[in-house]
Amino acid sequence: MISSASTLQPSTFNLQPSHLSPNILVVGDLMIDHYLFGKVERISPEAPVQVVEIEKEKMLLGGAGNVVNNLLALGAKVSVASVIGDDENGNWIKERLSSKNIDLSLLICQSERNTSKKTRIISSNQQIIRFDKESKDDISKESEEKLLSSISYEYDLILISDYAKGVLTDSLTKKIIAFSNIKNIPIFVDPKGSDYSKYSGATLITPNKKEAELAAGIKIINDESLKKAGFNLKEKYDFKSVIITLSENGMAIFEDEMSKIPTVAKEVYDVTGAGDTVLSALGYAVAKGEDLKEAAKFANYAAGVVVGKVGSATATISEIEEYKKSLHQESSDDFIKDFESIKTLVDNMRQKGQSIVFTNGCFDILHLGHVKYLETAKKMGDILIVGVNSDNSVKRLKGDKRPINPQYDRAYLLAALECVDYVVIFDEDTPYELIKIVQPDILVKGGDYRYKNVVGSDIAKEVRFVDFIEGRSTTSIIKKIGNNNDTNDK
C-alpha cells in the first residue's frame, strides 16, 4: 500500500521534547568546505579557461561538520566523534569546533593523515570547479580503538555521516551500531557506497535515489520499482526504517508500508549539503519526540530552506517556520506553540532584530471587538504572540459555566487570523510565566487596564493600551443568546 502526503494529517512541529535540547552524537568524516566567490569577465590569454577574480573567501565545517552545524542551528546539544590529521586543516577544525563549545575529547588526531578540504570556486551562484586535498584510506586500528573507547553511549540519538573518507571503517561502524542497539539508542545513517552491510541493524538509513539504486541493484523508474528498492534495503540489511530522498520528487518513507512526501523547495541554488540537513533535521525531530513521518515533513521543509542558499547551509527553526508560511500550505495548528517551542522562536526573532508584541485573554467567543483589538496590536511590531487562558484558568477566573468554547477551539480560531503569528495556551491565572519567556518589546492590554497594575509590565519594554469597541464582548453575546432563548420558551 502506498500513501501520499495528502493523506497525512497537517503537522504541528511543536517538537514536544522529553527535555529541552536533545543530546545527539555525530560520528563521521569531518572536513573543511572552502569557498572562493568571484566574478568572471574574461577568458585567460594562456588557455581557453575562465578567469575568476576572487572577491570573497569563506571556510566552513563540512561533511559530518555540516551535520553538526545543522544540529546546532536547530538548537540541539551536539558531540562529534571523528579522526582528523595532525595538520593545519585539522587544527582549523579543532578551533572551529571549540568556538562552538563542542567537546574535543572524541576527536582523534592521526599524524599521517591529511584532513579533508574541498575548495569550490563560485561565480554568479554557480560552482565553476572544485578541488580536494584529503586522505581516503581507512583510519588506523589504533585510531579506531581510541575512537570506539571514547564514546559513552549516553545520547538521545546517534547520527552516522559517511563521506567514505576512511573514518567509518566496517568494523568501527558495525560496533557503534551494535552498542547503540544494546543501549536502545536510535541510530540514523547517511550512507556511502553500494554495500550497506556495515550499516546492518541501523534504525534508519537515508540514501538518495541514485545511492538506493546502486545498493538495491534496482533501477527506480516508478512507484513500483521505488517500493521494491526501499523494502529490499530494509529487509536485506535489517533496517527498522528507510527514507529515500528523491530530489524534486520529495521523499519516500519505508516502514510497514511506503508513503511519499512531495518536495517543498521553491528555488534551488545549490544542493551542497542538503543530505546533511535532511539527516540532521530527521534526527533532531525524532529526538524531540516526533514520529518518523512528521520528522520527515520537518526535514523536507529544512531542506527547502537550505537549497535556496549557496554552499553548505543550515536552517533554523525560525527560518523553517517562515518558509512554511511562505508556501501557504500550513494548518493553523502549526502556529499553536507550547512554552518551549515559543522560547526557541523568540530567541531567533531577537537575533534577527524583530520586535515582539504580546497580548493575552480568554477569547471565549471570538467577535469583532477581539479581531479589531488584535489587528491594532499587530501593527505595533513585527510579530504578535497571543497568550490564551486554558479551560481550567478560565473556570477559575469566570466560574464553572465558562468557557463556552474549549481551549483548542479558541486557540485555533486565533491562530487562523492573519494578524496573529503565534498562540500559546497557559494554565496559570495570569500570563506572567509566559511573558517571562517571551520578553516582549510591547505588551498590549485593553483600555480598561489603563489605571490598573498590568501583569508583566516589569518585563516588557513598553505597555500600550487599546480601547475595546463598545457593546462588543463575550458576556454581552452570552446574555443576548440567553434572552433569545427565554423569548422562544414563551
Protein backbone atom coordinates (compact mmCIF):
# COMPACT_ATOMS: atom_id res chain seq x y z
CA MET A 1 0.00 0.00 0.00
CA ILE A 2 1.25 3.49 -0.88
CA SER A 3 0.11 6.65 0.84
CA SER A 4 0.87 10.20 -0.19
CA ALA A 5 1.35 13.47 1.68
CA SER A 6 -2.28 14.36 1.01
CA THR A 7 -3.38 11.51 3.26
CA LEU A 8 -1.18 12.64 6.13
CA GLN A 9 -2.51 14.97 8.81
CA PRO A 10 -1.14 18.54 8.97
CA SER A 11 1.99 18.76 11.09
CA THR A 12 2.27 20.97 14.15
CA PHE A 13 6.07 20.67 14.51
CA ASN A 14 5.82 21.81 18.12
CA LEU A 15 8.52 19.17 18.64
CA GLN A 16 7.47 18.37 22.20
CA PRO A 17 10.68 17.25 23.94
CA SER A 18 11.44 14.87 26.75
CA HIS A 19 13.82 17.66 27.74
CA LEU A 20 14.69 21.00 26.23
CA SER A 21 17.69 20.23 23.99
CA PRO A 22 18.23 16.72 22.61
CA ASN A 23 21.72 15.32 23.13
CA ILE A 24 22.93 13.99 19.76
CA LEU A 25 26.24 12.38 18.77
CA VAL A 26 27.55 12.77 15.21
CA VAL A 27 30.08 10.18 14.00
CA GLY A 28 31.72 10.63 10.63
CA ASP A 29 34.17 12.30 8.29
CA LEU A 30 34.99 15.88 9.24
CA MET A 31 36.25 18.21 6.53
CA ILE A 32 36.57 21.84 5.54
CA ASP A 33 34.29 23.37 2.92
CA HIS A 34 36.35 26.20 1.40
CA TYR A 35 34.56 28.69 -0.87
CA LEU A 36 36.10 31.27 -3.20
CA PHE A 37 33.50 33.69 -4.58
CA GLY A 38 34.27 35.88 -7.54
CA LYS A 39 33.21 37.21 -10.93
CA VAL A 40 34.10 36.14 -14.46
CA GLU A 41 34.58 38.86 -17.05
CA ARG A 42 37.22 37.45 -19.38
CA ILE A 43 38.91 34.36 -20.77
CA SER A 44 42.55 33.65 -19.93
CA PRO A 45 45.09 34.50 -22.68
CA GLU A 46 47.10 31.48 -21.54
CA ALA A 47 44.40 28.85 -22.16
CA PRO A 48 40.69 28.71 -23.08
CA VAL A 49 39.53 28.93 -19.47
CA GLN A 50 37.58 31.48 -17.46
CA VAL A 51 39.45 33.91 -15.23
CA VAL A 52 37.75 34.29 -11.84
CA GLU A 53 38.52 37.45 -9.91
CA ILE A 54 38.15 36.39 -6.27
CA GLU A 55 36.14 38.86 -4.18
CA LYS A 56 35.31 36.84 -1.07
CA GLU A 57 36.54 33.74 0.73
CA LYS A 58 34.73 31.56 3.26
CA MET A 59 35.63 28.43 5.23
CA LEU A 60 33.02 26.23 6.91
CA LEU A 61 32.86 22.89 8.66
CA GLY A 62 31.93 20.32 6.02
CA GLY A 63 31.00 16.65 5.82
CA ALA A 64 29.97 15.48 9.27
CA GLY A 65 30.78 19.04 10.39
CA ASN A 66 27.88 20.31 8.30
CA VAL A 67 25.62 17.88 10.19
CA VAL A 68 26.97 19.42 13.41
CA ASN A 69 26.24 22.94 12.12
CA ASN A 70 22.69 21.98 11.18
CA LEU A 71 22.00 20.45 14.59
CA LEU A 72 23.38 23.49 16.38
CA ALA A 73 21.22 25.77 14.23
CA LEU A 74 18.16 23.77 15.32
CA GLY A 75 19.10 24.05 18.98
CA ALA A 76 20.47 20.58 19.78
CA LYS A 77 23.28 19.73 22.17
CA VAL A 78 25.94 18.15 19.94
CA SER A 79 29.00 15.94 20.32
CA VAL A 80 31.16 14.79 17.42
CA ALA A 81 33.42 11.73 17.09
CA SER A 82 35.93 11.60 14.24
CA VAL A 83 39.57 11.21 13.18
CA ILE A 84 41.48 14.10 11.58
CA GLY A 85 45.05 14.72 10.54
CA ASP A 86 47.63 16.42 12.72
CA ASP A 87 47.93 19.29 10.25
CA GLU A 88 46.90 22.89 9.59
CA ASN A 89 43.43 21.90 8.39
CA GLY A 90 42.94 19.64 11.38
CA ASN A 91 43.89 22.46 13.73
CA TRP A 92 41.37 24.74 11.99
CA ILE A 93 38.62 22.15 12.54
CA LYS A 94 39.52 21.83 16.23
CA GLU A 95 39.47 25.60 16.69
CA ARG A 96 36.13 25.94 14.90
CA LEU A 97 34.52 23.14 16.94
CA SER A 98 35.90 24.61 20.14
CA SER A 99 34.43 28.02 19.24
CA LYS A 100 31.03 26.31 19.05
CA ASN A 101 31.53 24.83 22.54
CA ILE A 102 31.91 21.30 21.13
CA ASP A 103 33.85 18.89 23.36
CA LEU A 104 37.05 17.80 21.57
CA SER A 105 37.55 14.63 23.64
CA LEU A 106 36.00 12.46 20.89
CA LEU A 107 38.29 13.93 18.23
CA ILE A 108 41.29 11.69 17.44
CA CYS A 109 44.41 13.02 15.63
CA GLN A 110 46.31 10.65 13.33
CA SER A 111 49.64 12.11 12.27
CA GLU A 112 49.98 10.62 8.78
CA ARG A 113 46.52 11.64 7.58
CA ASN A 114 45.56 14.69 5.53
CA THR A 115 42.48 16.39 6.90
CA SER A 116 39.93 16.70 4.09
CA LYS A 117 39.49 20.13 2.48
CA LYS A 118 37.26 20.80 -0.51
CA THR A 119 37.73 24.11 -2.32
CA ARG A 120 34.93 25.37 -4.55
CA ILE A 121 35.16 28.38 -6.88
CA ILE A 122 31.79 30.06 -7.36
CA SER A 123 30.66 32.82 -9.69
CA SER A 124 27.09 34.10 -10.17
CA ASN A 125 25.81 31.48 -7.70
CA GLN A 126 27.26 28.68 -9.84
CA GLN A 127 30.10 26.31 -8.99
CA ILE A 128 32.81 26.53 -11.64
CA ILE A 129 35.30 23.99 -10.30
CA ARG A 130 36.15 22.06 -7.13
CA PHE A 131 39.49 20.67 -5.99
CA ASP A 132 40.13 18.41 -2.99
CA LYS A 133 43.05 17.65 -0.72
CA GLU A 134 42.50 14.69 1.62
CA SER A 135 43.25 11.15 2.78
CA LYS A 136 40.71 8.44 1.90
CA ASP A 137 42.41 5.35 3.34
CA ASP A 138 40.86 3.67 6.37
CA ILE A 139 41.96 5.09 9.69
CA SER A 140 44.47 3.03 11.64
CA LYS A 141 43.39 0.29 14.06
CA GLU A 142 44.85 2.38 16.86
CA SER A 143 42.69 5.38 15.91
CA GLU A 144 39.66 3.12 15.55
CA GLU A 145 40.14 1.69 19.04
CA LYS A 146 40.67 5.14 20.56
CA LEU A 147 37.53 6.46 18.91
CA LEU A 148 35.43 3.48 19.93
CA SER A 149 36.58 3.58 23.54
CA SER A 150 35.87 7.33 23.81
CA ILE A 151 32.12 7.02 23.04
CA SER A 152 29.97 6.80 26.17
CA TYR A 153 26.57 5.95 24.57
CA GLU A 154 24.72 8.41 26.78
CA TYR A 155 22.92 10.14 23.91
CA ASP A 156 19.32 10.54 22.82
CA LEU A 157 20.28 9.67 19.25
CA ILE A 158 23.35 8.97 17.10
CA LEU A 159 23.87 10.16 13.52
CA ILE A 160 26.40 8.48 11.21
CA SER A 161 27.58 10.77 8.42
CA ASP A 162 29.65 8.68 6.00
CA TYR A 163 31.57 10.51 3.27
CA ALA A 164 33.80 7.48 2.50
CA LYS A 165 36.95 9.22 3.69
CA GLY A 166 38.09 6.33 5.87
CA VAL A 167 36.77 7.17 9.35
CA LEU A 168 33.75 4.85 9.25
CA THR A 169 35.51 1.54 8.69
CA ASP A 170 33.42 -1.63 8.51
CA SER A 171 34.41 -2.81 11.96
CA LEU A 172 34.01 0.59 13.65
CA THR A 173 30.59 1.20 12.09
CA LYS A 174 29.29 -2.27 12.97
CA LYS A 175 30.44 -1.94 16.59
CA ILE A 176 28.88 1.52 17.03
CA ILE A 177 25.55 0.25 15.66
CA ALA A 178 25.69 -2.87 17.84
CA PHE A 179 26.42 -0.87 21.01
CA SER A 180 23.71 1.64 20.14
CA ASN A 181 21.15 -1.14 19.76
CA ILE A 182 22.16 -2.65 23.10
CA LYS A 183 21.64 0.77 24.72
CA ASN A 184 18.36 1.31 22.78
CA ILE A 185 19.72 4.50 21.20
CA PRO A 186 18.24 5.27 17.75
CA ILE A 187 20.98 5.44 15.13
CA PHE A 188 20.42 7.14 11.74
CA VAL A 189 22.81 6.70 8.80
CA ASP A 190 23.58 8.81 5.73
CA PRO A 191 25.37 6.10 3.72
CA LYS A 192 28.04 5.86 1.03
CA GLY A 193 28.90 3.06 -1.38
CA SER A 194 26.81 0.21 -2.75
CA ASP A 195 27.31 -2.34 0.06
CA TYR A 196 25.26 -1.42 3.13
CA SER A 197 26.25 -4.48 5.17
CA LYS A 198 28.35 -2.38 7.54
CA TYR A 199 25.19 -0.40 8.42
CA SER A 200 23.10 -3.52 9.15
CA GLY A 201 20.77 -3.13 12.10
CA ALA A 202 20.65 0.68 12.00
CA THR A 203 17.38 2.34 12.96
CA LEU A 204 17.16 4.41 9.78
CA ILE A 205 19.16 4.84 6.59
CA THR A 206 18.72 7.84 4.25
CA PRO A 207 20.15 7.19 0.75
CA ASN A 208 19.27 9.37 -2.22
CA LYS A 209 17.69 7.81 -5.30
CA LYS A 210 20.98 7.04 -7.07
CA GLU A 211 22.53 5.55 -3.91
CA ALA A 212 19.43 3.41 -3.31
CA GLU A 213 19.51 2.11 -6.89
CA LEU A 214 23.16 1.05 -6.52
CA ALA A 215 22.69 -0.56 -3.13
CA ALA A 216 19.48 -2.40 -4.04
CA GLY A 217 20.52 -3.22 -7.61
CA ILE A 218 17.14 -1.94 -8.82
CA LYS A 219 16.58 0.88 -11.32
CA ILE A 220 13.97 3.23 -9.86
CA ILE A 221 11.64 4.37 -12.65
CA ASN A 222 8.21 4.41 -10.96
CA ASP A 223 6.46 3.83 -7.63
CA GLU A 224 6.55 0.07 -8.08
CA SER A 225 10.32 -0.09 -8.53
CA LEU A 226 10.78 2.52 -5.79
CA LYS A 227 8.79 0.38 -3.37
CA LYS A 228 10.74 -2.72 -4.36
CA ALA A 229 14.10 -0.97 -3.84
CA GLY A 230 13.14 0.52 -0.48
CA PHE A 231 11.86 -2.70 1.03
CA ASN A 232 14.75 -4.65 -0.47
CA LEU A 233 17.17 -2.47 1.51
CA LYS A 234 15.03 -2.57 4.65
CA GLU A 235 14.76 -6.36 4.72
CA LYS A 236 18.22 -7.25 3.40
CA TYR A 237 20.06 -5.13 5.96
CA ASP A 238 17.58 -5.29 8.85
CA PHE A 239 16.89 -1.56 8.98
CA LYS A 240 13.92 -0.52 11.08
CA SER A 241 13.07 2.17 8.51
CA VAL A 242 14.37 3.57 5.21
CA ILE A 243 13.94 7.02 3.70
CA ILE A 244 14.94 7.53 0.06
CA THR A 245 15.31 11.17 -0.93
CA LEU A 246 14.05 11.82 -4.45
CA SER A 247 15.31 15.34 -5.24
CA GLU A 248 12.48 17.29 -6.91
CA ASN A 249 10.07 14.40 -6.17
CA GLY A 250 10.38 14.65 -2.39
CA MET A 251 10.94 11.63 -0.15
CA ALA A 252 9.73 8.05 0.17
CA ILE A 253 9.41 6.55 3.67
CA PHE A 254 9.53 2.79 4.21
CA GLU A 255 8.14 1.48 7.49
CA ASP A 256 5.34 -1.14 7.43
CA GLU A 257 4.26 0.45 4.16
CA MET A 258 5.64 3.06 1.76
CA SER A 259 4.46 6.66 1.95
CA LYS A 260 5.63 9.62 -0.13
CA ILE A 261 6.12 13.28 0.77
CA PRO A 262 6.35 15.78 -2.12
CA THR A 263 9.14 18.34 -2.23
CA VAL A 264 8.53 21.85 -0.91
CA ALA A 265 11.58 23.57 -2.43
CA LYS A 266 10.67 26.81 -4.25
CA GLU A 267 14.10 27.79 -5.60
CA VAL A 268 17.21 25.62 -5.89
CA TYR A 269 20.54 27.46 -5.96
CA ASP A 270 22.81 24.77 -4.53
CA VAL A 271 22.14 21.22 -3.27
CA THR A 272 25.52 21.08 -1.47
CA GLY A 273 24.93 19.62 1.99
CA ALA A 274 21.17 19.09 1.53
CA GLY A 275 21.59 15.46 2.59
CA ASP A 276 23.30 16.64 5.79
CA THR A 277 20.34 18.91 6.52
CA VAL A 278 17.86 16.08 5.98
CA LEU A 279 19.81 13.76 8.30
CA SER A 280 20.15 16.46 10.97
CA ALA A 281 16.51 17.54 10.85
CA LEU A 282 15.26 13.94 10.96
CA GLY A 283 17.45 13.18 13.95
CA TYR A 284 16.53 16.38 15.76
CA ALA A 285 12.78 15.91 15.27
CA VAL A 286 12.80 12.24 16.33
CA ALA A 287 14.96 13.05 19.37
CA LYS A 288 12.35 15.69 20.29
CA GLY A 289 9.54 13.11 20.17
CA GLU A 290 8.13 13.26 16.62
CA ASP A 291 7.28 10.06 14.74
CA LEU A 292 9.18 9.39 11.53
CA LYS A 293 6.55 10.75 9.13
CA GLU A 294 6.29 14.06 11.00
CA ALA A 295 10.09 14.20 11.26
CA ALA A 296 10.36 13.64 7.50
CA LYS A 297 7.98 16.54 6.82
CA PHE A 298 10.07 18.74 9.09
CA ALA A 299 13.27 17.62 7.31
CA ASN A 300 11.63 18.33 3.95
CA TYR A 301 10.96 21.94 4.97
CA ALA A 302 14.51 22.29 6.31
CA ALA A 303 15.91 21.03 3.00
CA GLY A 304 13.69 23.51 1.17
CA VAL A 305 15.37 26.31 3.13
CA VAL A 306 18.98 25.23 2.55
CA VAL A 307 18.78 24.52 -1.20
CA GLY A 308 17.74 28.14 -1.61
CA LYS A 309 21.13 29.18 -0.23
CA VAL A 310 24.59 28.91 -1.79
CA GLY A 311 27.10 26.49 -0.33
CA SER A 312 26.82 24.24 2.74
CA ALA A 313 23.99 25.87 4.67
CA THR A 314 21.80 25.41 7.72
CA ALA A 315 18.18 26.07 8.63
CA THR A 316 17.00 27.46 11.96
CA ILE A 317 13.58 26.73 13.48
CA SER A 318 12.59 30.32 12.73
CA GLU A 319 13.64 30.02 9.06
CA ILE A 320 11.70 26.78 8.72
CA GLU A 321 8.60 28.39 10.24
CA GLU A 322 8.87 31.36 7.88
CA TYR A 323 9.41 29.05 4.92
CA LYS A 324 6.30 27.05 5.78
CA LYS A 325 4.29 30.26 5.94
CA SER A 326 5.59 31.36 2.54
CA LEU A 327 4.27 28.16 0.95
CA HIS A 328 0.72 28.79 2.23
CA GLN A 329 0.34 25.07 2.93
CA GLU A 330 0.21 25.21 6.70
CA SER A 331 -2.63 24.42 9.08
CA SER A 332 -3.48 26.87 11.85
CA ASP A 333 -2.26 24.10 14.17
CA ASP A 334 1.26 25.00 13.07
CA PHE A 335 1.03 28.34 14.87
CA ILE A 336 -0.16 26.99 18.23
CA LYS A 337 3.00 26.57 20.30
CA ASP A 338 3.97 25.30 23.73
CA PHE A 339 6.26 27.22 26.11
CA GLU A 340 9.46 25.52 24.92
CA SER A 341 8.69 25.96 21.22
CA ILE A 342 7.85 29.64 21.60
CA LYS A 343 11.11 30.20 23.51
CA THR A 344 13.12 28.81 20.59
CA LEU A 345 11.19 31.00 18.17
CA VAL A 346 11.50 34.25 20.13
CA ASP A 347 15.24 33.66 20.57
CA ASN A 348 15.55 33.50 16.78
CA MET A 349 13.32 36.56 16.36
CA ARG A 350 15.54 38.61 18.64
CA GLN A 351 18.66 37.54 16.74
CA LYS A 352 17.01 38.85 13.57
CA GLY A 353 16.08 42.14 15.24
CA GLN A 354 12.31 41.59 15.05
CA SER A 355 10.09 43.41 17.55
CA ILE A 356 7.73 41.18 19.55
CA VAL A 357 4.22 42.20 20.63
CA PHE A 358 2.34 40.19 23.26
CA THR A 359 -1.22 40.23 24.49
CA ASN A 360 -3.45 37.74 26.25
CA GLY A 361 -7.01 36.89 27.13
CA CYS A 362 -9.71 34.20 27.26
CA PHE A 363 -11.09 34.96 23.79
CA ASP A 364 -14.05 32.71 24.61
CA ILE A 365 -16.38 33.70 21.78
CA LEU A 366 -14.36 35.42 19.07
CA HIS A 367 -16.08 38.62 17.94
CA LEU A 368 -15.47 41.91 16.09
CA GLY A 369 -14.03 43.61 19.17
CA HIS A 370 -11.40 40.88 19.54
CA VAL A 371 -10.37 41.00 15.90
CA LYS A 372 -10.02 44.79 15.74
CA TYR A 373 -8.08 44.73 19.03
CA LEU A 374 -5.66 42.12 17.65
CA GLU A 375 -5.26 43.91 14.32
CA THR A 376 -4.31 47.07 16.19
CA ALA A 377 -1.82 45.14 18.36
CA LYS A 378 -0.18 43.57 15.29
CA LYS A 379 0.56 47.00 13.80
CA MET A 380 2.74 47.82 16.82
CA GLY A 381 5.53 45.40 15.90
CA ASP A 382 6.76 42.59 13.66
CA ILE A 383 5.45 39.52 15.49
CA LEU A 384 2.22 39.20 17.51
CA ILE A 385 2.10 36.42 20.10
CA VAL A 386 -1.22 35.81 21.87
CA GLY A 387 -1.47 34.03 25.23
CA VAL A 388 -4.78 32.20 25.77
CA ASN A 389 -6.12 31.09 29.15
CA SER A 390 -6.62 27.33 29.40
CA ASP A 391 -10.07 25.94 30.24
CA ASN A 392 -9.07 25.47 33.89
CA SER A 393 -7.74 29.01 34.05
CA VAL A 394 -10.97 30.44 32.60
CA LYS A 395 -13.09 28.49 35.07
CA ARG A 396 -11.10 29.86 37.98
CA LEU A 397 -11.46 33.41 36.66
CA LYS A 398 -15.04 33.39 35.37
CA GLY A 399 -16.86 30.49 37.03
CA ASP A 400 -17.86 26.92 36.18
CA LYS A 401 -20.11 27.90 33.26
CA ARG A 402 -17.17 29.25 31.30
CA PRO A 403 -15.53 28.84 28.88
CA ILE A 404 -18.18 28.32 26.25
CA ASN A 405 -15.56 27.11 23.74
CA PRO A 406 -12.72 24.73 24.75
CA GLN A 407 -9.11 25.92 24.72
CA TYR A 408 -8.08 24.21 21.48
CA ASP A 409 -11.01 25.73 19.58
CA ARG A 410 -10.21 29.19 20.93
CA ALA A 411 -6.51 28.86 20.12
CA TYR A 412 -7.17 27.53 16.61
CA LEU A 413 -9.51 30.40 15.70
CA LEU A 414 -6.95 32.93 16.89
CA ALA A 415 -4.13 31.20 15.02
CA ALA A 416 -6.24 31.34 11.84
CA LEU A 417 -6.29 35.16 11.95
CA GLU A 418 -3.80 36.79 9.59
CA CYS A 419 -2.80 39.34 12.21
CA VAL A 420 -1.81 36.67 14.77
CA ASP A 421 1.58 34.99 14.35
CA TYR A 422 1.61 32.53 17.25
CA VAL A 423 -0.75 31.39 20.01
CA VAL A 424 0.31 29.86 23.33
CA ILE A 425 -2.10 28.33 25.87
CA PHE A 426 -1.20 28.96 29.53
CA ASP A 427 -2.74 27.29 32.59
CA GLU A 428 -1.93 29.87 35.27
CA ASP A 429 -4.33 32.61 36.36
CA THR A 430 -2.04 35.21 34.77
CA PRO A 431 0.37 35.00 31.79
CA TYR A 432 3.35 36.11 33.90
CA GLU A 433 5.43 32.94 33.35
CA LEU A 434 4.73 33.09 29.63
CA ILE A 435 5.67 36.77 29.48
CA LYS A 436 8.96 35.92 31.21
CA ILE A 437 9.70 33.56 28.30
CA VAL A 438 8.52 35.87 25.52
CA GLN A 439 10.18 39.03 26.93
CA PRO A 440 8.01 41.22 24.66
CA ASP A 441 9.05 44.60 23.36
CA ILE A 442 5.43 45.74 23.64
CA LEU A 443 2.76 44.39 25.99
CA VAL A 444 -0.77 45.24 24.84
CA LYS A 445 -3.82 45.37 27.13
CA GLY A 446 -7.40 46.58 26.84
CA GLY A 447 -8.24 50.16 27.71
CA ASP A 448 -9.95 49.03 30.93
CA TYR A 449 -6.47 48.18 32.31
CA ARG A 450 -5.17 51.73 31.80
CA TYR A 451 -5.18 52.60 35.51
CA LYS A 452 -4.52 49.11 36.87
CA ASN A 453 -1.40 47.14 37.66
CA VAL A 454 -0.62 45.25 34.42
CA VAL A 455 0.89 41.78 34.87
CA GLY A 456 4.22 41.65 33.03
CA SER A 457 4.75 45.41 32.94
CA ASP A 458 8.00 44.85 34.83
CA ILE A 459 9.25 42.63 31.98
CA ALA A 460 8.03 44.27 28.76
CA LYS A 461 9.90 47.28 27.42
CA GLU A 462 6.63 49.13 26.91
CA VAL A 463 2.93 48.74 27.78
CA ARG A 464 0.28 50.05 25.40
CA PHE A 465 -3.50 50.14 25.71
CA VAL A 466 -6.18 49.56 23.07
CA ASP A 467 -9.78 50.58 23.69
CA PHE A 468 -12.42 47.94 23.01
CA ILE A 469 -15.42 48.57 20.76
CA GLU A 470 -18.35 49.47 22.97
CA GLY A 471 -21.03 46.79 23.20
CA ARG A 472 -18.83 44.04 21.80
CA SER A 473 -17.96 41.43 24.44
CA THR A 474 -18.33 37.72 25.11
CA THR A 475 -20.53 38.49 28.14
CA SER A 476 -22.98 40.54 26.05
CA ILE A 477 -23.15 37.80 23.40
CA ILE A 478 -23.91 35.14 26.03
CA LYS A 479 -26.56 37.42 27.56
CA LYS A 480 -28.15 38.03 24.16
CA ILE A 481 -28.30 34.31 23.43
CA GLY A 482 -29.90 33.74 26.85
CA ASN A 483 -32.51 36.44 26.23
CA ASN A 484 -33.37 34.94 22.84
CA ASN A 485 -33.81 31.52 24.44
CA ASP A 486 -36.10 32.99 27.11
CA THR A 487 -38.27 34.63 24.41
CA ASN A 488 -38.51 31.40 22.43
CA ASP A 489 -39.51 29.47 25.54
CA LYS A 490 -42.54 31.75 25.97
